[in-house]
Protein backbone atom coordinates (compact mmCIF):
# COMPACT_ATOMS: atom_id res chain seq x y z
CA MET A 1 0.00 0.00 0.00
CA LYS A 2 1.37 3.40 -1.01
CA LYS A 3 1.89 5.84 1.85
CA ARG A 4 1.98 9.58 2.27
CA ILE A 5 5.32 10.19 3.94
CA GLY A 6 6.62 13.34 5.56
CA PHE A 7 10.41 13.64 5.37
CA ILE A 8 12.43 16.24 7.23
CA GLY A 9 16.13 16.57 6.47
CA THR A 10 17.29 16.26 2.86
CA GLY A 11 21.03 16.25 3.49
CA VAL A 12 23.59 13.72 2.26
CA MET A 13 21.68 10.75 3.71
CA GLY A 14 18.13 12.05 3.52
CA THR A 15 18.21 12.86 -0.18
CA SER A 16 19.08 9.29 -1.14
CA ILE A 17 16.48 7.83 1.24
CA VAL A 18 13.77 10.06 -0.25
CA LYS A 19 14.76 8.87 -3.73
CA HIS A 20 14.16 5.26 -2.67
CA LEU A 21 10.75 6.17 -1.22
CA LEU A 22 9.74 7.99 -4.41
CA LYS A 23 10.98 5.14 -6.60
CA ALA A 24 8.73 2.77 -4.66
CA GLY A 25 5.75 4.97 -5.52
CA HIS A 26 5.16 6.65 -2.17
CA GLU A 27 4.01 10.26 -1.99
CA VAL A 28 6.68 12.24 -0.13
CA GLN A 29 6.34 15.74 1.28
CA VAL A 30 9.66 17.23 2.36
CA TYR A 31 11.07 20.00 4.50
CA ASN A 32 14.67 21.08 4.91
CA ARG A 33 16.05 24.13 6.66
CA THR A 34 17.78 25.13 3.42
CA LYS A 35 15.31 24.68 0.57
CA ASN A 36 17.90 24.43 -2.22
CA LYS A 37 19.19 21.20 -0.65
CA ALA A 38 15.77 19.72 -1.40
CA THR A 39 15.76 20.76 -5.06
CA GLU A 40 16.93 17.38 -6.34
CA VAL A 41 14.09 15.41 -4.72
CA ILE A 42 11.51 18.09 -5.53
CA GLU A 43 12.43 17.72 -9.20
CA LEU A 44 11.86 13.97 -8.82
CA GLY A 45 8.34 14.49 -7.48
CA ALA A 46 8.60 15.24 -3.77
CA LYS A 47 6.33 18.05 -2.57
CA TRP A 48 7.93 20.96 -0.74
CA LYS A 49 6.50 22.02 2.63
CA SER A 50 7.60 25.20 4.39
CA THR A 51 7.74 23.87 7.97
CA PRO A 52 8.16 20.53 9.78
CA ALA A 53 4.55 20.87 10.94
CA GLU A 54 3.34 21.09 7.34
CA ALA A 55 5.53 18.17 6.27
CA ALA A 56 3.94 16.04 9.00
CA GLN A 57 0.36 17.13 8.37
CA ASN A 58 -1.87 14.38 6.94
CA ALA A 59 1.11 12.04 6.55
CA ASP A 60 0.82 8.36 7.43
CA LEU A 61 4.36 8.42 8.77
CA VAL A 62 7.14 10.94 9.17
CA PHE A 63 10.91 10.49 9.00
CA THR A 64 13.40 12.95 10.45
CA ILE A 65 17.15 12.92 9.91
CA VAL A 66 18.78 16.18 10.99
CA GLY A 67 22.11 17.21 12.50
CA TYR A 68 22.08 17.50 16.27
CA PRO A 69 19.84 16.68 19.25
CA SER A 70 19.00 20.40 19.47
CA ASP A 71 17.73 20.20 15.87
CA VAL A 72 15.59 17.19 16.79
CA GLU A 73 14.10 19.15 19.72
CA GLU A 74 13.25 22.05 17.42
CA VAL A 75 11.84 19.87 14.64
CA TYR A 76 9.51 18.03 17.02
CA TYR A 77 8.70 20.51 19.78
CA GLY A 78 9.27 23.91 18.15
CA GLU A 79 6.62 26.47 17.25
CA ASN A 80 6.38 24.95 13.76
CA GLY A 81 7.33 21.46 14.89
CA ILE A 82 5.90 18.07 14.07
CA PHE A 83 3.91 17.74 17.30
CA GLN A 84 1.89 20.81 16.29
CA THR A 85 0.12 18.80 13.57
CA ALA A 86 0.90 15.14 14.30
CA ALA A 87 -2.24 13.12 14.96
CA SER A 88 -3.17 9.88 16.65
CA GLY A 89 -2.37 6.85 14.51
CA GLN A 90 0.67 8.36 12.83
CA VAL A 91 4.16 6.94 13.19
CA LEU A 92 7.16 9.24 13.65
CA VAL A 93 10.66 7.89 13.05
CA ASP A 94 13.76 9.81 14.08
CA MET A 95 16.82 8.57 12.18
CA THR A 96 19.11 11.29 13.53
CA THR A 97 21.96 10.02 15.66
CA SER A 98 20.82 11.62 18.89
CA THR A 99 20.70 10.89 22.62
CA PRO A 100 18.86 7.93 24.18
CA THR A 101 17.34 10.41 26.66
CA LEU A 102 15.76 12.47 23.89
CA ALA A 103 14.54 9.31 22.15
CA LYS A 104 12.71 8.33 25.34
CA LYS A 105 11.24 11.84 25.64
CA LEU A 106 9.88 11.64 22.08
CA TYR A 107 8.42 8.22 22.83
CA GLU A 108 6.66 9.46 25.97
CA THR A 109 5.16 12.40 24.07
CA GLY A 110 3.98 9.98 21.42
CA GLN A 111 2.33 7.79 24.05
CA GLU A 112 0.40 10.80 25.33
CA LYS A 113 -0.82 11.64 21.84
CA GLY A 114 -1.49 8.12 20.54
CA ILE A 115 1.40 8.38 18.09
CA GLY A 116 3.91 5.61 17.38
CA ILE A 117 7.52 6.68 17.88
CA LEU A 118 10.69 4.89 16.82
CA ASP A 119 14.31 5.94 17.24
CA ALA A 120 16.05 4.49 14.20
CA PRO A 121 19.55 5.83 13.56
CA VAL A 122 21.34 4.47 10.53
CA SER A 123 24.83 3.41 9.53
CA GLY A 124 26.40 2.96 6.12
CA GLY A 125 27.25 6.49 5.06
CA ASP A 126 26.42 8.17 1.78
CA LEU A 127 27.11 4.99 -0.21
CA GLY A 128 24.79 2.92 1.95
CA ALA A 129 22.03 5.48 1.54
CA LYS A 130 22.58 5.72 -2.21
CA ASN A 131 22.64 1.94 -2.69
CA GLY A 132 19.76 1.23 -0.32
CA THR A 133 21.99 -0.86 1.95
CA LEU A 134 21.86 1.08 5.21
CA THR A 135 21.87 -0.66 8.57
CA ILE A 136 19.02 0.57 10.78
CA MET A 137 19.06 0.25 14.56
CA VAL A 138 15.59 0.63 16.01
CA GLY A 139 14.21 1.35 19.46
CA GLY A 140 10.49 1.28 20.24
CA ASP A 141 7.46 -1.00 20.33
CA GLN A 142 7.34 -4.28 18.42
CA ASP A 143 3.98 -3.62 16.75
CA VAL A 144 5.06 -0.19 15.46
CA PHE A 145 8.34 -1.64 14.20
CA GLU A 146 6.53 -4.38 12.28
CA ARG A 147 4.31 -1.80 10.57
CA LEU A 148 7.40 0.05 9.34
CA GLU A 149 9.53 -2.92 8.24
CA PRO A 150 8.36 -2.87 4.58
CA ILE A 151 9.32 0.82 4.37
CA PHE A 152 12.69 0.29 6.05
CA ASP A 153 13.42 -2.50 3.58
CA LEU A 154 13.33 0.03 0.73
CA PHE A 155 16.60 1.62 1.80
CA SER A 156 18.31 -0.86 4.09
CA SER A 157 19.95 -4.28 3.96
CA LYS A 158 19.72 -4.89 7.70
CA VAL A 159 17.18 -3.63 10.21
CA ASN A 160 16.62 -4.91 13.74
CA LEU A 161 14.53 -3.86 16.70
CA GLN A 162 17.06 -3.53 19.51
CA GLY A 163 14.64 -3.00 22.39
CA PRO A 164 12.46 -0.25 23.92
CA ALA A 165 12.74 3.47 23.17
CA GLY A 166 16.34 4.66 23.27
CA SER A 167 17.77 1.25 22.35
CA GLY A 168 18.34 2.27 18.73
CA GLN A 169 20.41 5.23 19.87
CA HIS A 170 22.41 3.11 22.31
CA THR A 171 23.14 0.64 19.49
CA LYS A 172 24.27 3.50 17.24
CA MET A 173 26.65 4.64 19.98
CA ALA A 174 28.12 1.12 20.05
CA ASN A 175 28.43 1.33 16.26
CA GLN A 176 30.21 4.70 16.40
CA ILE A 177 32.63 3.40 19.03
CA MET A 178 33.63 0.65 16.61
CA VAL A 179 33.83 3.06 13.66
CA ALA A 180 36.09 5.36 15.67
CA GLY A 181 38.51 2.49 16.18
CA THR A 182 38.57 1.50 12.53
CA MET A 183 38.96 5.10 11.33
CA THR A 184 41.95 5.79 13.58
CA GLY A 185 43.44 2.40 12.68
CA MET A 186 42.98 2.97 8.97
CA THR A 187 44.50 6.45 9.20
CA GLU A 188 47.56 5.30 11.11
CA LEU A 189 48.01 2.39 8.70
CA LEU A 190 48.27 4.85 5.81
CA VAL A 191 50.58 7.19 7.73
CA TYR A 192 52.88 4.29 8.62
CA ALA A 193 52.89 2.81 5.11
CA LYS A 194 53.77 6.16 3.54
CA ALA A 195 56.57 6.82 6.04
CA ALA A 196 58.00 3.36 5.31
CA GLY A 197 58.14 4.18 1.60
CA LEU A 198 55.63 1.50 0.61
CA ASP A 199 53.26 1.46 -2.35
CA ILE A 200 50.16 2.52 -0.41
CA GLU A 201 47.62 1.24 -2.95
CA LYS A 202 49.30 -2.17 -2.89
CA VAL A 203 49.34 -2.16 0.94
CA VAL A 204 45.62 -1.34 1.09
CA ASP A 205 44.83 -4.06 -1.42
CA THR A 206 46.93 -6.61 0.46
CA VAL A 207 45.86 -5.99 4.05
CA GLY A 208 42.27 -5.54 2.90
CA GLY A 209 42.29 -9.22 1.99
CA GLY A 210 43.33 -10.34 5.45
CA SER A 211 42.30 -9.92 9.05
CA ALA A 212 42.76 -6.12 8.87
CA GLN A 213 39.84 -5.86 6.43
CA ASN A 214 37.11 -3.47 7.58
CA TRP A 215 34.50 -1.08 6.15
CA SER A 216 36.57 2.05 6.76
CA LEU A 217 39.59 0.63 4.95
CA THR A 218 37.53 -0.58 2.00
CA ASN A 219 35.50 2.59 1.54
CA TYR A 220 37.62 5.45 2.83
CA ALA A 221 41.23 4.55 1.99
CA PRO A 222 40.52 4.79 -1.79
CA ARG A 223 38.93 8.22 -1.26
CA ILE A 224 41.97 9.42 0.65
CA LEU A 225 44.31 8.21 -2.11
CA LYS A 226 42.22 10.25 -4.59
CA GLU A 227 42.29 13.22 -2.18
CA ASP A 228 38.49 13.03 -2.02
CA TYR A 229 37.35 14.45 1.30
CA SER A 230 33.70 14.96 0.39
CA PRO A 231 31.44 13.96 3.26
CA GLY A 232 29.91 10.54 3.38
CA PHE A 233 29.61 11.54 7.02
CA PHE A 234 30.63 14.95 8.37
CA VAL A 235 33.52 15.37 10.81
CA LYS A 236 31.36 17.75 12.87
CA HIS A 237 28.64 15.13 13.22
CA PHE A 238 31.12 12.43 14.19
CA VAL A 239 32.45 14.69 16.95
CA LYS A 240 28.85 15.07 18.16
CA ASP A 241 28.31 11.30 18.09
CA LEU A 242 31.49 10.49 19.98
CA LYS A 243 30.67 13.08 22.63
CA ILE A 244 27.26 11.44 23.13
CA ALA A 245 28.87 7.99 23.34
CA LEU A 246 31.34 9.18 25.97
CA GLU A 247 28.62 10.93 27.98
CA GLU A 248 26.50 7.78 27.96
CA ALA A 249 29.54 5.68 28.92
CA GLN A 250 30.21 8.01 31.85
CA ARG A 251 26.61 7.56 33.02
CA MET A 252 27.24 3.80 33.05
CA ASN A 253 30.58 4.24 34.86
CA LEU A 254 32.56 3.04 31.84
CA ASN A 255 36.01 4.20 30.80
CA LEU A 256 36.54 4.09 27.02
CA PRO A 257 40.08 5.41 26.43
CA SER A 258 40.29 4.57 22.72
CA THR A 259 37.00 6.33 21.99
CA ALA A 260 38.09 9.31 24.07
CA LEU A 261 41.30 9.59 22.03
CA ALA A 262 39.38 9.35 18.75
CA GLU A 263 37.02 12.11 19.93
CA LYS A 264 40.01 14.29 20.83
CA LEU A 265 41.58 13.78 17.40
CA TYR A 266 38.35 14.55 15.53
CA GLU A 267 37.74 17.60 17.71
CA GLU A 268 41.25 18.80 16.82
CA LEU A 269 40.44 18.26 13.13
CA GLU A 270 37.18 20.21 13.48
CA GLY A 271 39.13 22.99 15.22
CA LYS A 272 41.29 23.28 12.10
CA GLY A 273 38.21 24.19 10.09
CA LYS A 274 37.55 20.71 8.67
CA GLY A 275 34.15 20.11 10.28
CA ASN A 276 32.38 19.93 6.92
CA ASP A 277 34.85 17.42 5.47
CA GLY A 278 34.17 13.70 5.50
CA THR A 279 35.51 11.65 8.39
CA GLN A 280 38.32 10.33 6.15
CA ALA A 281 39.86 13.81 6.48
CA LEU A 282 41.39 12.65 9.77
CA ILE A 283 44.50 11.91 7.68
CA LYS A 284 44.99 15.69 7.37
CA LEU A 285 46.32 15.78 10.92
CA TRP A 286 49.39 13.98 9.49
CA TRP A 287 49.43 14.75 5.78
CA GLU A 288 49.36 18.28 4.42
CA MET A 289 46.73 18.42 1.70
C-alpha cells in the first residue's frame, strides 16, 4: 500500500532515502532548513513544505534525519514542529543520531498523543544510503516496528529492533565506538605505510584481503588516495556522536580510552576548520593536503 510520507532533512543521507521512497511509488512531502538542498528530490516528485509541521500534516508516517539533538528538539517541539500537527495513529521515526534520553522523551510524548515513535539511527554512510543498503538500529514498540519494516526495507539491507525506546540510539553509539577504532586504525596504517616508503595502494589491497579488512579501509582509503574528502559523514557530526557515546559511557561508569582519544583527534580536526569534510579527512592531521 502506497503511503503519504513526511520527510524532514534532505542532506547527504536524507536525499538518497527520499529517492528510494519515491521510486517505490510513495508520496513524499519534504522540508529542509535550506530549501535548495531539497531541489533534487523536488524535481523527482517530492512536494515541498515550508515547515516541519506542514511536512507532518496528513502524513501516514514521518521520517526525520537532521544534524544535532538540538535540531531534533526544534523539529519536534518547536513552534512549527511536528507535534503541532501530528495526529493519533501516525508513526514518527527519528533517524538522527541523537541521545537515548531524547529518544525516550519523544516516545513518551507519542504515548500521550497516541502516536507511534521509533528511534532508528542508521549506519552505512552516503554509499549505503545511495545503494539502499543502510543498517538501521531501532528502538520502540514491536507492533510499530513491524508496521514500518516494509518501508525500512526500501533503503536498508539490515534492520533490527534492539529493544524499547532509546535502544536504537544506544546501538548507534556502540556502532560509532567501533567506527572510531577502525577510522583511527585505517588512518595510522596509511601514515605508517607512507613513512616506510611502501606502495600505499598495494598495501591497502593486500591488508584488505586479510584480518585487517574493515569497512573504513575498503570505503575510505581509496577516497583518501584520490584526495576526495567529500562527506559521506561529516567530521562535525562524528564529533557530536562520539561526545554522546562518551557521555553515555560516563553515566554507566565506563572508561573508554580509545573512543576518548578518537574524539580528541576529531575535535582537533574540526578545530582546524575541517568540520564539513568527510571523516576520512582525519588523515589531514598527518598529511598536508
